[in-house]
Protein backbone atom coordinates (compact mmCIF):
# COMPACT_ATOMS: atom_id res chain seq x y z
CA MET A 1 0.00 0.00 0.00
CA LEU A 2 1.30 3.43 -0.98
CA CYS A 3 0.18 6.83 0.28
CA ARG A 4 1.61 10.21 -0.74
CA PHE A 5 2.02 12.68 2.14
CA THR A 6 2.28 16.29 0.95
CA PHE A 7 3.42 18.73 3.62
CA ILE A 8 1.85 22.18 3.49
CA PRO A 9 2.98 24.90 2.91
CA ASP A 10 6.42 23.87 1.60
CA GLY A 11 5.18 21.09 -0.71
CA THR A 12 7.56 18.40 0.52
CA VAL A 13 6.29 15.00 -0.59
CA LEU A 14 7.01 11.72 1.20
CA ILE A 15 5.76 8.33 0.02
CA TYR A 16 4.66 5.87 2.68
CA ARG A 17 4.96 2.19 1.83
CA GLY A 18 3.11 0.20 4.43
CA GLN A 19 0.94 -2.76 5.22
CA PRO A 20 -2.84 -3.08 5.38
CA GLY A 21 -4.04 -1.84 8.75
CA ASP A 22 -1.33 0.82 9.12
CA THR A 23 -2.52 4.16 10.48
CA TYR A 24 -1.62 7.75 9.65
CA GLU A 25 -0.14 8.07 13.13
CA GLY A 26 2.21 5.16 12.47
CA ALA A 27 3.19 6.58 9.09
CA LEU A 28 4.03 9.98 10.61
CA LEU A 29 6.11 8.31 13.31
CA SER A 30 7.99 6.32 10.65
CA PHE A 31 8.93 9.63 8.99
CA GLY A 32 10.14 11.03 12.32
CA PHE A 33 7.24 13.45 12.86
CA ASN A 34 5.34 13.82 16.12
CA PRO A 35 1.68 13.04 15.26
CA ASP A 36 0.57 15.47 18.00
CA THR A 37 1.83 18.32 15.81
CA ALA A 38 0.14 17.22 12.57
CA LEU A 39 -3.28 17.82 11.03
CA ILE A 40 -4.16 15.36 8.27
CA PHE A 41 -6.53 16.20 5.41
CA HIS A 42 -7.88 14.45 2.33
CA GLN A 43 -9.85 16.54 -0.17
CA GLY A 44 -10.47 19.17 2.52
CA ARG A 45 -11.76 16.69 5.11
CA SER A 46 -9.88 16.14 8.36
CA ILE A 47 -8.76 12.56 8.97
CA PRO A 48 -8.16 11.13 12.47
CA GLN A 49 -4.58 10.03 13.09
CA ASP A 50 -5.68 6.60 14.29
CA GLU A 51 -7.62 5.88 11.09
CA GLU A 52 -6.29 3.16 8.81
CA ILE A 53 -4.68 4.45 5.63
CA GLU A 54 -7.23 3.99 2.85
CA VAL A 55 -6.49 6.80 0.39
CA GLU A 56 -3.58 7.35 -1.99
CA ALA A 57 -2.78 10.95 -1.01
CA VAL A 58 -3.16 13.24 2.01
CA GLU A 59 -2.07 16.74 2.97
CA ILE A 60 -0.24 17.33 6.24
CA PHE A 61 -0.27 20.66 8.09
CA LEU A 62 2.37 20.79 10.80
CA ALA A 63 1.56 22.87 13.88
CA SER A 64 3.48 23.65 17.05
CA SER A 65 3.47 21.33 20.03
CA ARG A 66 0.66 21.69 22.53
CA GLY A 67 3.11 21.23 25.39
C-alpha cells in the first residue's frame, strides 16, 4: 500500500509504503514526525490520526506542540 504525504505549505512529498491496517499516526512516526503536531486532510476533510490508511494521497499541516 502506498500513500503520498504532501506537507503544506512547503510542498515536501514523502511516500509511505506500508501494510494493510497501518494508520496515519504510524506513518508519521515512521517519517520522524510527532503526530501530535500534525493535522491530516484528504480533499479538505480532516482525517483522524488513528484511522487506517485507505487513500492514496493526504495533505499534512504541521503545527506547534501543545506542550
